[in-house]
Each structure stands twice: as C-alpha cells, then as structure tokens.
Amino acid sequence: AEMSRVETLTELIESNRKVDRALIYLEGEKEERRISYGELYERALGILFHLQKLGARPGDKLILFLNNNEQFLDAYWAGILGGIVPVPVSIGISDEHRHKLLRIARKLGKPFLYTDRKTLERVGQFAAVAGEQALFDGLRARCFLADALDDISRAGSVHRARPGDTAFIQFSSGSTSAPKGVVLTHANILANGRGAGEAARFGTDDVSLSWMPLTHDMGLIGFHLMMMYAGVRQHLMPTDLFVRRALLWLKWSSARRVTITCSPNFGYRHCLKALGDKTLENHDLSSVRLIFNGAE
C-alpha cells in the first residue's frame, strides 16, 4: 500500500531503503550476489558523488554503456537520485553499436558517459577511424569508468525530482533508422507500473527472473522498475549467460520457484535448441504463472 503513494522513481528507491528485499544477481551456476535495496541506494549515492564531482548536474544526460547488470543498475540509480538523466545504450559486439553510441552522444549535446576502460578504448579506436576524434575527446572528458570506482564512502546530494521531470531516455534500437530517443517522465513510468501491476496482479508473493538486457524496456522497466514498485522478489541473469547456457533459465525458474518471467520469441527457440533430445528431469515449473512475451 505504501508504494501506491510513490510519485517519482526517487521516492521509489527511498521508500524501499528499509524494505527487506534484495536484488539477486545470478552470475553463474553456483554464483549469486544479493544486494539489498538499502545497499543499492548507498552505492548509487556513492557513484553520484563522483558524477557530481565531474560536473554532472540535474538535467544533464548520462549514457550508460555497460554490459554488467550490477554496474548498470548502480549507475542508473545514481543518475535518478541526482536528477541526472540516464540514457541506456546497448554495447553490442560490432562497430555499428559504437557508431550508434557516437550518434546518440552528438544528439544529446554534452552527455556524461559511464562505461568501463576496455569498452572506452574500443569506442576510441572506432572514433579515430570514423573521423570522430573531437566528439570522442569530449565524451572522454566527461567519462566515469566503472572499474575506476574504488571509493563509494561519500554520498552525493539527492535532487528532489517532480513527477513531470524526465526520468530517463530510452533510445529505439536504431536498427531501421537513426536512433530516436523516447523521453520518459517519472509519472509515465509509475503509471505504466501501476497499470501493469493491476492487470498482472503483481504482488509481494511473486518471484521474478529476467535475462533481458537492461538497455531494453522489458528488461529495465518491466523486470526491474515494475518489480521494485510491486515488491516482487527479483532475480536478474546476464543476457550473455542465457545465450551461452539457455537451460539455466529453466533450472533457476524451477529452483527459485519463479512466478513471473519473460522472453522474446527467439529466446524460446534458443531454449528448445539447447534442450535438443534432453529431458528436463527434476525441473518443476508449476510455480510459473506468467511469461511475458514481446519485443519482436
């Protein structure tokens, strides 16, 4: 009932600080990291301190160019808490994605960038060849590296967002045309969360699992923000782990008594291919009540 009064994502994470809930990052067969919402909040504030030291102010844009779910969400919430607008961009594996990053950076004006050293080097190599050195130099000057983060003991200062403020910008895949940015307000996202929660009857007894990328709306809005809003116990699995070992998705759904999960069409095909002639002994998927399908 408490959550229904939340009007911004800033209030959403603040009101969850004392809640006995954790984000569970499933990293490998026997490997998981539990980060309580309180810890998530503290870590985000610690990153915000560094972003503000770099000069980031409310209304500035922060491109998130990271493969790691935990680093991504830490930085996403750092932006939200500072009124800095996160702009998730998929790293991908090709120069096309690096080109897209540079096009988005140009479109945003003077964005800040949160990435890791190796990825930044790759973008730099591409920019040099593509004749985009000046654009890249500007980005690098406003870049904060996730692997340079050693101290999060000092807290940045929280900016009080209003419901009509821009929360973040979601770019289209840009696979068919120049990437287009969709501006989402705090009110937009929470209205979406309320509507979906009513239709799907999300509740605190639910357990979710997603391997969708957090640069994607189903991954970020559907299976992180909406789940936090509804008090669902959420598990996140890296997309590349699903690609390598698709059956872990089913194994964990069974072992964790997952009630809500998701996949676009290719994921089901990929799973069936991985299954081949094998049978799923000792898998009990009877707890699953909803599988969201979309994105294709």
Protein backbone atom coordinates (compact mmCIF):
# COMPACT_ATOMS: atom_id res chain seq x y z
CA ALA A 1 0.00 0.00 0.00
CA GLU A 2 2.97 2.25 0.79
CA MET A 3 4.20 2.09 -2.82
CA SER A 4 0.94 3.34 -4.27
CA ARG A 5 1.72 6.81 -2.96
CA VAL A 6 5.12 6.98 -4.62
CA GLU A 7 5.17 9.67 -7.33
CA THR A 8 8.75 9.53 -8.58
CA LEU A 9 11.49 6.93 -9.01
CA THR A 10 13.48 8.92 -6.44
CA GLU A 11 10.72 8.27 -3.88
CA LEU A 12 10.50 4.65 -5.06
CA ILE A 13 14.10 3.83 -4.17
CA GLU A 14 13.99 5.92 -0.98
CA SER A 15 10.84 4.21 0.26
CA ASN A 16 12.48 0.82 -0.41
CA ARG A 17 15.63 1.54 1.60
CA LYS A 18 14.36 -0.21 4.74
CA VAL A 19 12.33 -2.89 2.98
CA ASP A 20 13.56 -6.44 3.47
CA ARG A 21 14.12 -7.06 -0.23
CA ALA A 22 17.22 -7.72 -2.28
CA LEU A 23 18.16 -7.70 -5.90
CA ILE A 24 19.57 -11.11 -6.70
CA TYR A 25 22.13 -11.15 -9.49
CA LEU A 26 22.58 -14.72 -10.75
CA GLU A 27 26.07 -14.73 -12.20
CA GLY A 28 26.78 -18.41 -12.74
CA GLU A 29 25.62 -21.89 -11.81
CA LYS A 30 26.71 -21.56 -8.18
CA GLU A 31 27.29 -17.85 -8.05
CA GLU A 32 24.94 -15.12 -6.93
CA ARG A 33 25.14 -11.67 -5.43
CA ARG A 34 22.42 -10.34 -3.14
CA ILE A 35 22.26 -6.58 -2.96
CA SER A 36 19.62 -5.23 -0.60
CA TYR A 37 17.68 -2.17 -1.76
CA GLY A 38 19.32 -0.26 1.08
CA GLU A 39 22.76 -1.18 -0.28
CA LEU A 40 21.69 -0.32 -3.81
CA TYR A 41 20.68 3.13 -2.55
CA GLU A 42 24.00 3.67 -0.72
CA ARG A 43 26.07 2.53 -3.71
CA ALA A 44 24.11 4.76 -6.07
CA LEU A 45 24.75 7.76 -3.80
CA GLY A 46 28.45 6.90 -3.71
CA ILE A 47 28.62 6.91 -7.51
CA LEU A 48 26.57 10.10 -7.64
CA PHE A 49 29.24 11.82 -5.54
CA HIS A 50 31.79 11.13 -8.30
CA LEU A 51 29.43 12.17 -11.10
CA GLN A 52 28.72 15.45 -9.33
CA LYS A 53 32.46 15.94 -8.82
CA LEU A 54 32.87 15.51 -12.60
CA GLY A 55 30.35 18.33 -13.02
CA ALA A 56 27.10 16.45 -13.70
CA ARG A 57 24.02 18.46 -12.71
CA PRO A 58 20.25 17.86 -12.70
CA GLY A 59 19.01 17.66 -16.29
CA ASP A 60 22.38 16.53 -17.69
CA LYS A 61 22.39 13.25 -19.63
CA LEU A 62 24.34 10.16 -18.55
CA ILE A 63 24.92 7.49 -21.20
CA LEU A 64 25.12 4.03 -19.62
CA PHE A 65 27.31 1.86 -21.84
CA LEU A 66 27.88 -1.23 -19.69
CA ASN A 67 27.37 -4.95 -20.02
CA ASN A 68 27.36 -5.74 -16.31
CA ASN A 69 23.87 -5.70 -14.73
CA GLU A 70 25.08 -4.69 -11.30
CA GLN A 71 27.27 -1.84 -12.54
CA PHE A 72 24.42 -0.73 -14.79
CA LEU A 73 21.81 -0.53 -12.03
CA ASP A 74 24.19 1.14 -9.57
CA ALA A 75 24.82 3.88 -12.13
CA TYR A 76 21.19 4.07 -13.27
CA TRP A 77 20.03 4.83 -9.73
CA ALA A 78 22.95 7.23 -9.21
CA GLY A 79 21.59 9.23 -12.12
CA ILE A 80 17.99 9.07 -10.88
CA LEU A 81 18.99 10.23 -7.39
CA GLY A 82 20.92 13.20 -8.80
CA GLY A 83 18.26 14.24 -11.32
CA ILE A 84 20.82 13.27 -13.99
CA VAL A 85 19.02 11.58 -16.90
CA PRO A 86 20.23 8.02 -17.62
CA VAL A 87 20.41 7.05 -21.30
CA PRO A 88 20.88 3.27 -21.61
CA VAL A 89 22.70 2.22 -24.80
CA SER A 90 23.41 -1.38 -25.76
CA ILE A 91 27.12 -2.24 -26.03
CA GLY A 92 26.54 -4.87 -28.71
CA ILE A 93 29.53 -6.55 -30.33
CA SER A 94 30.01 -4.60 -33.53
CA ASP A 95 31.23 -1.22 -34.74
CA GLU A 96 27.60 -0.49 -35.60
CA HIS A 97 26.87 -0.20 -31.87
CA ARG A 98 29.88 2.09 -31.33
CA HIS A 99 28.68 4.23 -34.21
CA LYS A 100 25.24 4.37 -32.62
CA LEU A 101 26.77 5.48 -29.32
CA LEU A 102 28.55 8.37 -31.05
CA ARG A 103 25.38 9.38 -32.94
CA ILE A 104 23.43 9.41 -29.67
CA ALA A 105 26.18 11.40 -27.92
CA ARG A 106 26.06 14.01 -30.70
CA LYS A 107 22.28 14.20 -30.47
CA LEU A 108 22.36 14.67 -26.66
CA GLY A 109 24.80 17.58 -26.82
CA LYS A 110 27.23 17.18 -23.93
CA PRO A 111 26.37 13.92 -22.21
CA PHE A 112 28.36 12.23 -19.48
CA LEU A 113 29.37 8.61 -20.07
CA TYR A 114 29.53 5.69 -17.64
CA THR A 115 31.38 2.70 -19.05
CA ASP A 116 34.46 0.54 -18.40
CA ARG A 117 38.02 1.03 -19.57
CA LYS A 118 38.07 -1.69 -22.23
CA THR A 119 34.83 -0.51 -23.79
CA LEU A 120 36.01 3.11 -23.81
CA GLU A 121 39.22 2.05 -25.61
CA ARG A 122 37.19 0.24 -28.26
CA VAL A 123 35.00 3.28 -28.82
CA GLY A 124 38.15 5.41 -29.09
CA GLN A 125 39.66 3.11 -31.72
CA PHE A 126 36.43 3.22 -33.72
CA ALA A 127 36.11 7.02 -33.38
CA ALA A 128 39.66 7.55 -34.67
CA VAL A 129 38.94 5.51 -37.81
CA ALA A 130 35.49 7.05 -38.27
CA GLY A 131 36.82 10.62 -38.11
CA GLU A 132 35.00 11.33 -34.84
CA GLN A 133 38.03 12.18 -32.69
CA ALA A 134 36.70 15.54 -31.45
CA LEU A 135 33.36 14.04 -30.41
CA PHE A 136 35.17 11.21 -28.63
CA ASP A 137 37.57 13.55 -26.82
CA GLY A 138 34.60 15.50 -25.45
CA LEU A 139 32.97 12.28 -24.26
CA ARG A 140 36.18 11.04 -22.66
CA ALA A 141 36.47 14.28 -20.67
CA ARG A 142 33.02 13.60 -19.21
CA CYS A 143 33.52 9.88 -18.72
CA PHE A 144 33.50 7.98 -15.44
CA LEU A 145 34.84 4.42 -15.52
CA ALA A 146 33.09 1.70 -13.53
CA ASP A 147 36.42 -0.07 -12.99
CA ALA A 148 37.96 3.10 -11.56
CA LEU A 149 35.34 3.15 -8.81
CA ASP A 150 37.21 2.34 -5.62
CA ASP A 151 35.56 4.58 -3.06
CA ILE A 152 31.83 4.99 -2.57
CA SER A 153 32.02 6.11 1.04
CA ARG A 154 30.98 9.71 0.31
CA ALA A 155 27.39 10.38 -0.67
CA GLY A 156 26.33 12.68 -3.47
CA SER A 157 23.48 15.10 -2.90
CA VAL A 158 19.98 13.95 -3.78
CA HIS A 159 17.88 16.04 -6.15
CA ARG A 160 14.13 16.08 -5.44
CA ALA A 161 12.51 15.09 -8.72
CA ARG A 162 8.95 16.06 -9.61
CA PRO A 163 6.55 13.63 -11.34
CA GLY A 164 6.70 15.56 -14.62
CA ASP A 165 10.52 15.61 -14.76
CA THR A 166 12.36 13.46 -17.27
CA ALA A 167 13.44 10.25 -15.54
CA PHE A 168 15.38 8.70 -18.40
CA ILE A 169 15.61 8.47 -22.18
CA GLN A 170 15.05 5.17 -23.95
CA PHE A 171 16.52 5.02 -27.46
CA SER A 172 14.96 2.90 -30.18
CA SER A 173 17.23 0.14 -31.42
CA GLY A 174 18.04 2.30 -34.42
CA SER A 175 18.21 -0.88 -36.48
CA THR A 176 15.96 0.60 -39.15
CA SER A 177 16.82 4.30 -38.93
CA ALA A 178 18.67 6.91 -36.91
CA PRO A 179 18.14 6.16 -33.21
CA LYS A 180 15.20 8.07 -31.75
CA GLY A 181 15.08 8.97 -28.09
CA VAL A 182 11.84 8.49 -26.18
CA VAL A 183 11.67 10.81 -23.18
CA LEU A 184 10.07 9.12 -20.17
CA THR A 185 8.95 11.06 -17.12
CA HIS A 186 8.71 9.69 -13.59
CA ALA A 187 4.92 9.88 -13.92
CA ASN A 188 4.99 7.91 -17.21
CA ILE A 189 6.92 5.01 -15.70
CA LEU A 190 4.93 4.81 -12.48
CA ALA A 191 1.61 4.96 -14.37
CA ASN A 192 2.89 2.11 -16.52
CA GLY A 193 3.90 0.21 -13.36
CA ARG A 194 0.51 0.74 -11.74
CA GLY A 195 -1.39 -0.36 -14.85
CA ALA A 196 0.72 -3.45 -15.43
CA GLY A 197 0.62 -4.32 -11.74
CA GLU A 198 -3.17 -4.23 -11.70
CA ALA A 199 -3.52 -6.24 -14.91
CA ALA A 200 -0.92 -8.86 -13.96
CA ARG A 201 -1.71 -8.78 -10.22
CA PHE A 202 1.94 -8.39 -9.24
CA GLY A 203 2.40 -8.84 -5.52
CA THR A 204 4.90 -9.44 -2.77
CA ASP A 205 4.47 -13.22 -3.08
CA ASP A 206 5.75 -13.08 -6.65
CA VAL A 207 9.28 -14.03 -7.67
CA SER A 208 10.61 -12.77 -10.99
CA LEU A 209 13.51 -13.82 -13.20
CA SER A 210 14.74 -11.99 -16.28
CA TRP A 211 17.71 -12.41 -18.62
CA MET A 212 16.63 -9.50 -20.82
CA PRO A 213 19.22 -6.74 -21.26
CA LEU A 214 18.71 -3.72 -19.00
CA THR A 215 19.19 -1.47 -22.03
CA HIS A 216 15.84 -2.81 -23.18
CA ASP A 217 12.47 -1.66 -21.82
CA MET A 218 11.30 -5.17 -20.96
CA GLY A 219 14.49 -5.72 -19.00
CA LEU A 220 14.70 -2.36 -17.25
CA ILE A 221 11.11 -1.15 -16.92
CA GLY A 222 9.26 -4.46 -16.93
CA PHE A 223 11.57 -6.61 -14.85
CA HIS A 224 13.36 -4.15 -12.62
CA LEU A 225 11.37 -0.96 -12.03
CA MET A 226 7.90 -2.55 -12.10
CA MET A 227 9.07 -5.38 -9.87
CA MET A 228 10.55 -2.99 -7.35
CA TYR A 229 7.33 -0.97 -7.43
CA ALA A 230 5.20 -4.07 -6.77
CA GLY A 231 7.51 -5.55 -4.12
CA VAL A 232 8.31 -8.62 -6.22
CA ARG A 233 11.46 -10.58 -5.35
CA GLN A 234 13.59 -10.11 -8.43
CA HIS A 235 16.38 -12.15 -9.98
CA LEU A 236 18.48 -10.87 -12.86
CA MET A 237 20.56 -13.10 -15.10
CA PRO A 238 23.13 -11.77 -17.61
CA THR A 239 21.90 -11.93 -21.22
CA ASP A 240 25.16 -13.46 -22.44
CA LEU A 241 24.88 -16.21 -19.83
CA PHE A 242 21.42 -17.08 -21.19
CA VAL A 243 22.84 -17.09 -24.72
CA ARG A 244 25.62 -19.50 -23.65
CA ARG A 245 23.56 -21.66 -21.29
CA ALA A 246 19.88 -21.21 -22.03
CA LEU A 247 18.74 -24.07 -19.80
CA LEU A 248 19.91 -22.22 -16.68
CA TRP A 249 16.85 -20.04 -17.23
CA LEU A 250 14.58 -23.06 -16.68
CA LYS A 251 16.77 -24.55 -13.97
CA TRP A 252 16.65 -21.34 -11.93
CA SER A 253 12.94 -20.86 -12.61
CA SER A 254 12.41 -24.25 -11.02
CA ALA A 255 14.91 -23.88 -8.16
CA ARG A 256 13.80 -20.36 -7.18
CA ARG A 257 10.07 -21.05 -7.53
CA VAL A 258 9.81 -18.24 -10.06
CA THR A 259 6.28 -16.99 -10.76
CA ILE A 260 6.96 -14.37 -13.47
CA THR A 261 9.47 -14.45 -16.30
CA CYS A 262 9.84 -13.24 -19.88
CA SER A 263 11.39 -13.82 -23.27
CA PRO A 264 11.01 -12.61 -26.84
CA ASN A 265 10.36 -15.27 -29.49
CA PHE A 266 14.00 -16.00 -30.21
CA GLY A 267 14.55 -17.00 -26.56
CA TYR A 268 12.06 -19.87 -26.74
CA ARG A 269 13.63 -21.11 -29.97
CA HIS A 270 17.08 -20.81 -28.44
CA CYS A 271 15.94 -22.77 -25.38
CA LEU A 272 14.40 -25.58 -27.44
CA LYS A 273 17.59 -25.84 -29.48
CA ALA A 274 19.68 -26.07 -26.29
CA LEU A 275 17.29 -28.71 -24.97
CA GLY A 276 17.52 -30.89 -28.08
CA ASP A 277 16.77 -34.50 -27.12
CA LYS A 278 17.41 -33.94 -23.42
CA THR A 279 14.56 -34.20 -20.94
CA LEU A 280 14.23 -31.83 -18.02
CA GLU A 281 14.44 -34.19 -15.06
CA ASN A 282 13.95 -32.57 -11.65
CA HIS A 283 12.61 -29.34 -13.11
CA ASP A 284 9.32 -28.19 -11.65
CA LEU A 285 7.92 -25.14 -13.40
CA SER A 286 4.49 -25.29 -11.79
CA SER A 287 5.17 -22.08 -9.86
CA VAL A 288 5.35 -20.04 -13.10
CA ARG A 289 2.08 -18.18 -13.62
CA LEU A 290 3.07 -15.57 -16.22
CA ILE A 291 5.59 -15.46 -19.03
CA PHE A 292 5.74 -12.12 -20.79
CA ASN A 293 6.49 -12.27 -24.48
CA GLY A 294 7.27 -9.27 -26.60
CA ALA A 295 9.98 -7.23 -28.24
CA GLU A 296 9.69 -8.84 -31.67
